[in-house]
Amino acid sequence: MTSKTIGRPGSLTDLVELHVLEAIRKNRLQVGDALPPELVLSKQLGVSRTIVREALGRLRMLGLLESRKKRGMVVREPNFLDGLRRVMDPAFLRSRTQHDLFEMRLVLELGLADLLFIRKTPQMLDELEQVVRRERRARSNAQRLALEIEFHSCLYKMAGNRILGQFQSLLQPFFRQVVRQESSTGRRRGGVDHAELVAILRGGSVEDFRRAMREHLAPHFDSIKP
């Protein structure tokens, strides 16, 4: 990092944070590379160590830095969904935003088909069939809702994309809430059930599955207002 006294408008902590991010990019620091010590940064930027410590603390909370013994602050790969996880709660979001997130999940599920057919295994299909059997024995709406969510979670797991799986888990509260609301208003069931989806995964084609999933989700799409 080159010496540079901060002189732009804005809070000192904000500017130190931006400077560190810029330095990581320009110096192409990799995961595990160490930043200069706080005292060095303080002298380079012409600010107090307290300001530097606060700025580094922010980046640590974002998951971009971590503290290591005898090495100080080092660069790490951030999990960009961690920040979302703290605020992705129906209690914090307006109804319109919640429905937008639910619609996003519908679109994601229609796009899973290719990954599912690339990565499916007999064991994964057996797990889906176990969920279907438990659905048939379910006696309450709460049980059916839980198994509905479990079935679709298994699909994301089968798709084998870590980021998709994590994002789906963030959307679960919104999926649960919207489905509960639709059930209370007598929403019709889709023309294709979970058992049929599993059968297509076993012996059908990608296009067969995509069409079937669209029909399975049709009641949700029908509820979307223009």
C-alpha atoms as a PDB file:
ATOM      1  CA  MET A   1       0.000   0.000   0.000  1.00  0.00           C
ATOM      2  CA  THR A   2       1.388   3.361  -0.959  1.00  0.00           C
ATOM      3  CA  SER A   3       1.387   6.374   1.323  1.00  0.00           C
ATOM      4  CA  LYS A   4      -1.632   8.582   0.776  1.00  0.00           C
ATOM      5  CA  THR A   5      -3.082  11.220   3.058  1.00  0.00           C
ATOM      6  CA  ILE A   6      -6.864  11.260   2.981  1.00  0.00           C
ATOM      7  CA  GLY A   7      -8.310  14.594   1.999  1.00  0.00           C
ATOM      8  CA  ARG A   8     -11.644  13.856   0.341  1.00  0.00           C
ATOM      9  CA  PRO A   9     -14.965  14.792   1.978  1.00  0.00           C
ATOM     10  CA  GLY A  10     -16.750  12.220   4.122  1.00  0.00           C
ATOM     11  CA  SER A  11     -16.191  10.629   7.500  1.00  0.00           C
ATOM     12  CA  LEU A  12     -12.615   9.526   8.133  1.00  0.00           C
ATOM     13  CA  THR A  13     -13.709   5.980   8.892  1.00  0.00           C
ATOM     14  CA  ASP A  14     -15.618   5.762   5.602  1.00  0.00           C
ATOM     15  CA  LEU A  15     -12.630   7.038   3.668  1.00  0.00           C
ATOM     16  CA  VAL A  16     -10.157   4.686   5.340  1.00  0.00           C
ATOM     17  CA  GLU A  17     -12.502   1.796   4.571  1.00  0.00           C
ATOM     18  CA  LEU A  18     -12.660   2.833   0.899  1.00  0.00           C
ATOM     19  CA  HIS A  19      -8.889   3.271   0.780  1.00  0.00           C
ATOM     20  CA  VAL A  20      -8.272  -0.242   2.119  1.00  0.00           C
ATOM     21  CA  LEU A  21     -10.706  -1.729  -0.403  1.00  0.00           C
ATOM     22  CA  GLU A  22      -9.022   0.203  -3.198  1.00  0.00           C
ATOM     23  CA  ALA A  23      -5.587  -0.941  -2.040  1.00  0.00           C
ATOM     24  CA  ILE A  24      -6.701  -4.594  -1.967  1.00  0.00           C
ATOM     25  CA  ARG A  25      -7.871  -4.270  -5.581  1.00  0.00           C
ATOM     26  CA  LYS A  26      -4.869  -2.328  -6.892  1.00  0.00           C
ATOM     27  CA  ASN A  27      -2.318  -4.526  -5.145  1.00  0.00           C
ATOM     28  CA  ARG A  28      -4.263  -7.645  -6.132  1.00  0.00           C
ATOM     29  CA  LEU A  29      -4.075  -9.036  -2.636  1.00  0.00           C
ATOM     30  CA  GLN A  30      -5.181 -12.657  -2.480  1.00  0.00           C
ATOM     31  CA  VAL A  31      -6.994 -14.606   0.213  1.00  0.00           C
ATOM     32  CA  GLY A  32      -4.536 -15.055   3.083  1.00  0.00           C
ATOM     33  CA  ASP A  33      -2.413 -11.994   2.249  1.00  0.00           C
ATOM     34  CA  ALA A  34      -1.785  -9.701   5.215  1.00  0.00           C
ATOM     35  CA  LEU A  35      -2.521  -5.986   5.424  1.00  0.00           C
ATOM     36  CA  PRO A  36       0.043  -3.566   6.849  1.00  0.00           C
ATOM     37  CA  PRO A  37      -0.207  -3.135  10.642  1.00  0.00           C
ATOM     38  CA  GLU A  38      -2.582  -0.525  12.034  1.00  0.00           C
ATOM     39  CA  LEU A  39       0.285   1.788  12.968  1.00  0.00           C
ATOM     40  CA  VAL A  40       1.666   1.713   9.424  1.00  0.00           C
ATOM     41  CA  LEU A  41      -1.761   2.422   7.923  1.00  0.00           C
ATOM     42  CA  SER A  42      -2.287   5.211  10.427  1.00  0.00           C
ATOM     43  CA  LYS A  43       0.937   6.944   9.359  1.00  0.00           C
ATOM     44  CA  GLN A  44       0.303   6.351   5.649  1.00  0.00           C
ATOM     45  CA  LEU A  45      -3.170   7.859   5.785  1.00  0.00           C
ATOM     46  CA  GLY A  46      -2.566  10.563   8.364  1.00  0.00           C
ATOM     47  CA  VAL A  47      -5.322   9.389  10.710  1.00  0.00           C
ATOM     48  CA  SER A  48      -5.424   7.925  14.198  1.00  0.00           C
ATOM     49  CA  ARG A  49      -5.106   4.201  14.891  1.00  0.00           C
ATOM     50  CA  THR A  50      -8.620   4.336  16.348  1.00  0.00           C
ATOM     51  CA  ILE A  51     -10.011   5.381  12.955  1.00  0.00           C
ATOM     52  CA  VAL A  52      -8.007   2.657  11.192  1.00  0.00           C
ATOM     53  CA  ARG A  53      -9.175   0.036  13.687  1.00  0.00           C
ATOM     54  CA  GLU A  54     -12.815   1.051  13.209  1.00  0.00           C
ATOM     55  CA  ALA A  55     -12.536   0.879   9.405  1.00  0.00           C
ATOM     56  CA  LEU A  56     -10.854  -2.526   9.508  1.00  0.00           C
ATOM     57  CA  GLY A  57     -13.518  -3.700  11.941  1.00  0.00           C
ATOM     58  CA  ARG A  58     -16.212  -2.828   9.418  1.00  0.00           C
ATOM     59  CA  LEU A  59     -14.473  -4.837   6.704  1.00  0.00           C
ATOM     60  CA  ARG A  60     -14.078  -7.699   9.131  1.00  0.00           C
ATOM     61  CA  MET A  61     -17.823  -7.647   9.821  1.00  0.00           C
ATOM     62  CA  LEU A  62     -18.422  -7.796   6.060  1.00  0.00           C
ATOM     63  CA  GLY A  63     -16.283 -10.930   5.952  1.00  0.00           C
ATOM     64  CA  LEU A  64     -13.570  -9.414   3.754  1.00  0.00           C
ATOM     65  CA  LEU A  65     -10.904  -9.484   6.480  1.00  0.00           C
ATOM     66  CA  GLU A  66     -10.116 -11.736   9.405  1.00  0.00           C
ATOM     67  CA  SER A  67      -7.704 -11.445  12.313  1.00  0.00           C
ATOM     68  CA  ARG A  68      -4.969 -14.064  12.609  1.00  0.00           C
ATOM     69  CA  LYS A  69      -2.535 -14.548  15.442  1.00  0.00           C
ATOM     70  CA  LYS A  70       0.900 -13.030  14.749  1.00  0.00           C
ATOM     71  CA  ARG A  71      -0.233 -11.878  11.276  1.00  0.00           C
ATOM     72  CA  GLY A  72      -2.816  -9.215  12.014  1.00  0.00           C
ATOM     73  CA  MET A  73      -5.579  -8.587   9.491  1.00  0.00           C
ATOM     74  CA  VAL A  74      -5.543 -10.812   6.411  1.00  0.00           C
ATOM     75  CA  VAL A  75      -7.747 -10.911   3.334  1.00  0.00           C
ATOM     76  CA  ARG A  76     -10.421 -13.599   3.192  1.00  0.00           C
ATOM     77  CA  GLU A  77     -13.046 -14.550   0.647  1.00  0.00           C
ATOM     78  CA  PRO A  78     -16.283 -12.911   1.795  1.00  0.00           C
ATOM     79  CA  ASN A  79     -19.574 -14.737   1.904  1.00  0.00           C
ATOM     80  CA  PHE A  80     -21.656 -11.966   0.381  1.00  0.00           C
ATOM     81  CA  LEU A  81     -24.866 -13.620   1.575  1.00  0.00           C
ATOM     82  CA  ASP A  82     -23.906 -13.202   5.241  1.00  0.00           C
ATOM     83  CA  GLY A  83     -24.933  -9.555   5.200  1.00  0.00           C
ATOM     84  CA  LEU A  84     -28.258 -10.421   3.589  1.00  0.00           C
ATOM     85  CA  ARG A  85     -28.901 -13.132   6.164  1.00  0.00           C
ATOM     86  CA  ARG A  86     -29.061 -10.525   8.918  1.00  0.00           C
ATOM     87  CA  VAL A  87     -31.851  -8.548   7.272  1.00  0.00           C
ATOM     88  CA  MET A  88     -33.759 -11.153   5.216  1.00  0.00           C
ATOM     89  CA  ASP A  89     -36.621 -11.383   7.654  1.00  0.00           C
ATOM     90  CA  PRO A  90     -40.291 -10.799   6.788  1.00  0.00           C
ATOM     91  CA  ALA A  91     -40.547  -8.608   9.878  1.00  0.00           C
ATOM     92  CA  PHE A  92     -38.161  -6.076   8.302  1.00  0.00           C
ATOM     93  CA  LEU A  93     -39.603  -5.945   4.780  1.00  0.00           C
ATOM     94  CA  ARG A  94     -42.766  -4.567   3.245  1.00  0.00           C
ATOM     95  CA  SER A  95     -45.354  -6.911   1.769  1.00  0.00           C
ATOM     96  CA  ARG A  96     -44.450  -5.871  -1.796  1.00  0.00           C
ATOM     97  CA  THR A  97     -40.787  -6.680  -1.212  1.00  0.00           C
ATOM     98  CA  GLN A  98     -41.697 -10.055   0.273  1.00  0.00           C
ATOM     99  CA  HIS A  99     -43.740 -10.938  -2.795  1.00  0.00           C
ATOM    100  CA  ASP A 100     -40.909  -9.799  -5.074  1.00  0.00           C
ATOM    101  CA  LEU A 101     -38.565 -12.189  -3.267  1.00  0.00           C
ATOM    102  CA  PHE A 102     -41.106 -14.988  -3.570  1.00  0.00           C
ATOM    103  CA  GLU A 103     -41.373 -14.359  -7.320  1.00  0.00           C
ATOM    104  CA  MET A 104     -37.581 -14.502  -7.534  1.00  0.00           C
ATOM    105  CA  ARG A 105     -37.677 -17.952  -6.000  1.00  0.00           C
ATOM    106  CA  LEU A 106     -40.265 -19.108  -8.557  1.00  0.00           C
ATOM    107  CA  VAL A 107     -37.977 -17.995 -11.374  1.00  0.00           C
ATOM    108  CA  LEU A 108     -34.983 -19.734  -9.787  1.00  0.00           C
ATOM    109  CA  GLU A 109     -36.854 -23.018  -9.485  1.00  0.00           C
ATOM    110  CA  LEU A 110     -37.835 -22.968 -13.150  1.00  0.00           C
ATOM    111  CA  GLY A 111     -34.147 -22.600 -13.981  1.00  0.00           C
ATOM    112  CA  LEU A 112     -32.959 -25.606 -11.951  1.00  0.00           C
ATOM    113  CA  ALA A 113     -33.815 -28.236 -14.573  1.00  0.00           C
ATOM    114  CA  ASP A 114     -30.487 -28.424 -16.417  1.00  0.00           C
ATOM    115  CA  LEU A 115     -28.415 -28.601 -13.232  1.00  0.00           C
ATOM    116  CA  LEU A 116     -30.706 -31.274 -11.787  1.00  0.00           C
ATOM    117  CA  PHE A 117     -30.285 -33.539 -14.799  1.00  0.00           C
ATOM    118  CA  ILE A 118     -26.518 -33.025 -14.827  1.00  0.00           C
ATOM    119  CA  ARG A 119     -26.014 -33.776 -11.126  1.00  0.00           C
ATOM    120  CA  LYS A 120     -28.836 -36.083 -10.047  1.00  0.00           C
ATOM    121  CA  THR A 121     -27.876 -39.401  -8.465  1.00  0.00           C
ATOM    122  CA  PRO A 122     -29.982 -42.451  -7.542  1.00  0.00           C
ATOM    123  CA  GLN A 123     -29.423 -41.664  -3.866  1.00  0.00           C
ATOM    124  CA  MET A 124     -30.721 -38.097  -4.277  1.00  0.00           C
ATOM    125  CA  LEU A 125     -33.796 -39.348  -6.119  1.00  0.00           C
ATOM    126  CA  ASP A 126     -34.421 -41.849  -3.328  1.00  0.00           C
ATOM    127  CA  GLU A 127     -34.310 -38.979  -0.810  1.00  0.00           C
ATOM    128  CA  LEU A 128     -36.939 -37.098  -2.812  1.00  0.00           C
ATOM    129  CA  GLU A 129     -39.171 -40.168  -2.892  1.00  0.00           C
ATOM    130  CA  GLN A 130     -38.873 -40.503   0.876  1.00  0.00           C
ATOM    131  CA  VAL A 131     -40.166 -36.938   1.227  1.00  0.00           C
ATOM    132  CA  VAL A 132     -43.071 -37.778  -1.112  1.00  0.00           C
ATOM    133  CA  ARG A 133     -43.999 -40.826   0.985  1.00  0.00           C
ATOM    134  CA  ARG A 134     -43.985 -38.717   4.141  1.00  0.00           C
ATOM    135  CA  GLU A 135     -46.181 -36.135   2.396  1.00  0.00           C
ATOM    136  CA  ARG A 136     -48.781 -38.809   1.708  1.00  0.00           C
ATOM    137  CA  ARG A 137     -48.893 -39.644   5.417  1.00  0.00           C
ATOM    138  CA  ALA A 138     -49.076 -35.995   6.542  1.00  0.00           C
ATOM    139  CA  ARG A 139     -52.198 -35.168   8.526  1.00  0.00           C
ATOM    140  CA  SER A 140     -51.947 -31.421   9.082  1.00  0.00           C
ATOM    141  CA  ASN A 141     -51.363 -28.348   6.934  1.00  0.00           C
ATOM    142  CA  ALA A 142     -48.287 -27.532   9.009  1.00  0.00           C
ATOM    143  CA  GLN A 143     -46.773 -30.926   8.178  1.00  0.00           C
ATOM    144  CA  ARG A 144     -47.602 -30.544   4.489  1.00  0.00           C
ATOM    145  CA  LEU A 145     -46.049 -27.079   4.381  1.00  0.00           C
ATOM    146  CA  ALA A 146     -42.861 -28.309   6.064  1.00  0.00           C
ATOM    147  CA  LEU A 147     -42.578 -31.201   3.604  1.00  0.00           C
ATOM    148  CA  GLU A 148     -43.300 -28.910   0.644  1.00  0.00           C
ATOM    149  CA  ILE A 149     -40.335 -26.793   1.698  1.00  0.00           C
ATOM    150  CA  GLU A 150     -38.178 -29.869   2.348  1.00  0.00           C
ATOM    151  CA  PHE A 151     -38.900 -31.250  -1.136  1.00  0.00           C
ATOM    152  CA  HIS A 152     -37.881 -28.042  -2.868  1.00  0.00           C
ATOM    153  CA  SER A 153     -34.833 -27.711  -0.608  1.00  0.00           C
ATOM    154  CA  CYS A 154     -33.771 -31.184  -1.769  1.00  0.00           C
ATOM    155  CA  LEU A 155     -34.003 -29.984  -5.372  1.00  0.00           C
ATOM    156  CA  TYR A 156     -31.614 -27.124  -4.632  1.00  0.00           C
ATOM    157  CA  LYS A 157     -29.278 -29.558  -2.898  1.00  0.00           C
ATOM    158  CA  MET A 158     -29.414 -31.855  -5.935  1.00  0.00           C
ATOM    159  CA  ALA A 159     -28.578 -28.918  -8.224  1.00  0.00           C
ATOM    160  CA  GLY A 160     -25.216 -28.815  -6.465  1.00  0.00           C
ATOM    161  CA  ASN A 161     -24.703 -25.055  -6.583  1.00  0.00           C
ATOM    162  CA  ARG A 162     -23.568 -23.798  -3.188  1.00  0.00           C
ATOM    163  CA  ILE A 163     -24.603 -20.164  -3.724  1.00  0.00           C
ATOM    164  CA  LEU A 164     -28.043 -21.150  -5.013  1.00  0.00           C
ATOM    165  CA  GLY A 165     -28.542 -23.392  -1.993  1.00  0.00           C
ATOM    166  CA  GLN A 166     -27.583 -20.658   0.441  1.00  0.00           C
ATOM    167  CA  PHE A 167     -29.802 -18.124  -1.296  1.00  0.00           C
ATOM    168  CA  GLN A 168     -32.721 -20.546  -1.261  1.00  0.00           C
ATOM    169  CA  SER A 169     -32.345 -20.929   2.496  1.00  0.00           C
ATOM    170  CA  LEU A 170     -32.585 -17.130   2.824  1.00  0.00           C
ATOM    171  CA  LEU A 171     -35.820 -17.132   0.827  1.00  0.00           C
ATOM    172  CA  GLN A 172     -37.469 -19.907   2.844  1.00  0.00           C
ATOM    173  CA  PRO A 173     -39.231 -17.598   5.341  1.00  0.00           C
ATOM    174  CA  PHE A 174     -40.869 -15.716   2.461  1.00  0.00           C
ATOM    175  CA  PHE A 175     -41.827 -18.933   0.684  1.00  0.00           C
ATOM    176  CA  ARG A 176     -43.345 -20.262   3.902  1.00  0.00           C
ATOM    177  CA  GLN A 177     -45.289 -17.075   4.563  1.00  0.00           C
ATOM    178  CA  VAL A 178     -46.709 -16.699   1.040  1.00  0.00           C
ATOM    179  CA  VAL A 179     -47.668 -20.377   0.776  1.00  0.00           C
ATOM    180  CA  ARG A 180     -49.390 -20.161   4.157  1.00  0.00           C
ATOM    181  CA  GLN A 181     -51.365 -17.124   2.973  1.00  0.00           C
ATOM    182  CA  GLU A 182     -52.319 -18.820  -0.291  1.00  0.00           C
ATOM    183  CA  SER A 183     -53.418 -21.973   1.537  1.00  0.00           C
ATOM    184  CA  SER A 184     -55.703 -19.956   3.799  1.00  0.00           C
ATOM    185  CA  THR A 185     -57.466 -18.549   0.725  1.00  0.00           C
ATOM    186  CA  GLY A 186     -58.041 -21.963  -0.850  1.00  0.00           C
ATOM    187  CA  ARG A 187     -55.266 -21.907  -3.455  1.00  0.00           C
ATOM    188  CA  ARG A 188     -55.641 -24.776  -5.912  1.00  0.00           C
ATOM    189  CA  ARG A 189     -52.892 -27.381  -6.113  1.00  0.00           C
ATOM    190  CA  GLY A 190     -50.646 -27.580  -9.145  1.00  0.00           C
ATOM    191  CA  GLY A 191     -51.502 -29.996 -11.935  1.00  0.00           C
ATOM    192  CA  VAL A 192     -48.208 -31.852 -11.374  1.00  0.00           C
ATOM    193  CA  ASP A 193     -47.373 -33.128  -7.902  1.00  0.00           C
ATOM    194  CA  HIS A 194     -44.036 -33.986  -6.305  1.00  0.00           C
ATOM    195  CA  ALA A 195     -44.303 -37.686  -7.121  1.00  0.00           C
ATOM    196  CA  GLU A 196     -44.669 -36.861 -10.819  1.00  0.00           C
ATOM    197  CA  LEU A 197     -41.672 -34.535 -10.685  1.00  0.00           C
ATOM    198  CA  VAL A 198     -39.553 -37.331  -9.222  1.00  0.00           C
ATOM    199  CA  ALA A 199     -40.749 -39.742 -11.916  1.00  0.00           C
ATOM    200  CA  ILE A 200     -39.697 -37.270 -14.611  1.00  0.00           C
ATOM    201  CA  LEU A 201     -36.311 -36.820 -12.964  1.00  0.00           C
ATOM    202  CA  ARG A 202     -35.865 -40.592 -13.119  1.00  0.00           C
ATOM    203  CA  GLY A 203     -37.035 -41.240 -16.657  1.00  0.00           C
ATOM    204  CA  GLY A 204     -37.917 -38.011 -18.445  1.00  0.00           C
ATOM    205  CA  SER A 205     -36.021 -35.209 -20.143  1.00  0.00           C
ATOM    206  CA  VAL A 206     -34.893 -31.751 -19.107  1.00  0.00           C
ATOM    207  CA  GLU A 207     -37.689 -30.185 -21.147  1.00  0.00           C
ATOM    208  CA  ASP A 208     -40.254 -32.573 -19.640  1.00  0.00           C
ATOM    209  CA  PHE A 209     -39.156 -31.502 -16.180  1.00  0.00           C
ATOM    210  CA  ARG A 210     -39.162 -27.804 -17.019  1.00  0.00           C
ATOM    211  CA  ARG A 211     -42.741 -28.002 -18.324  1.00  0.00           C
ATOM    212  CA  ALA A 212     -43.839 -30.074 -15.333  1.00  0.00           C
ATOM    213  CA  MET A 213     -42.259 -27.658 -12.853  1.00  0.00           C
ATOM    214  CA  ARG A 214     -44.027 -24.755 -14.556  1.00  0.00           C
ATOM    215  CA  GLU A 215     -47.330 -26.591 -14.134  1.00  0.00           C
ATOM    216  CA  HIS A 216     -46.468 -27.473 -10.539  1.00  0.00           C
ATOM    217  CA  LEU A 217     -45.852 -23.800  -9.758  1.00  0.00           C
ATOM    218  CA  ALA A 218     -48.791 -22.557 -11.849  1.00  0.00           C
ATOM    219  CA  PRO A 219     -51.010 -21.708  -8.839  1.00  0.00           C
ATOM    220  CA  HIS A 220     -48.270 -19.435  -7.496  1.00  0.00           C
ATOM    221  CA  PHE A 221     -47.849 -17.740 -10.871  1.00  0.00           C
ATOM    222  CA  ASP A 222     -51.631 -17.394 -11.167  1.00  0.00           C
ATOM    223  CA  SER A 223     -51.663 -15.466  -7.894  1.00  0.00           C
ATOM    224  CA  ILE A 224     -49.223 -12.844  -9.213  1.00  0.00           C
ATOM    225  CA  LYS A 225     -50.979  -9.571  -9.864  1.00  0.00           C
ATOM    226  CA  PRO A 226     -50.165  -7.477 -12.980  1.00  0.00           C
END
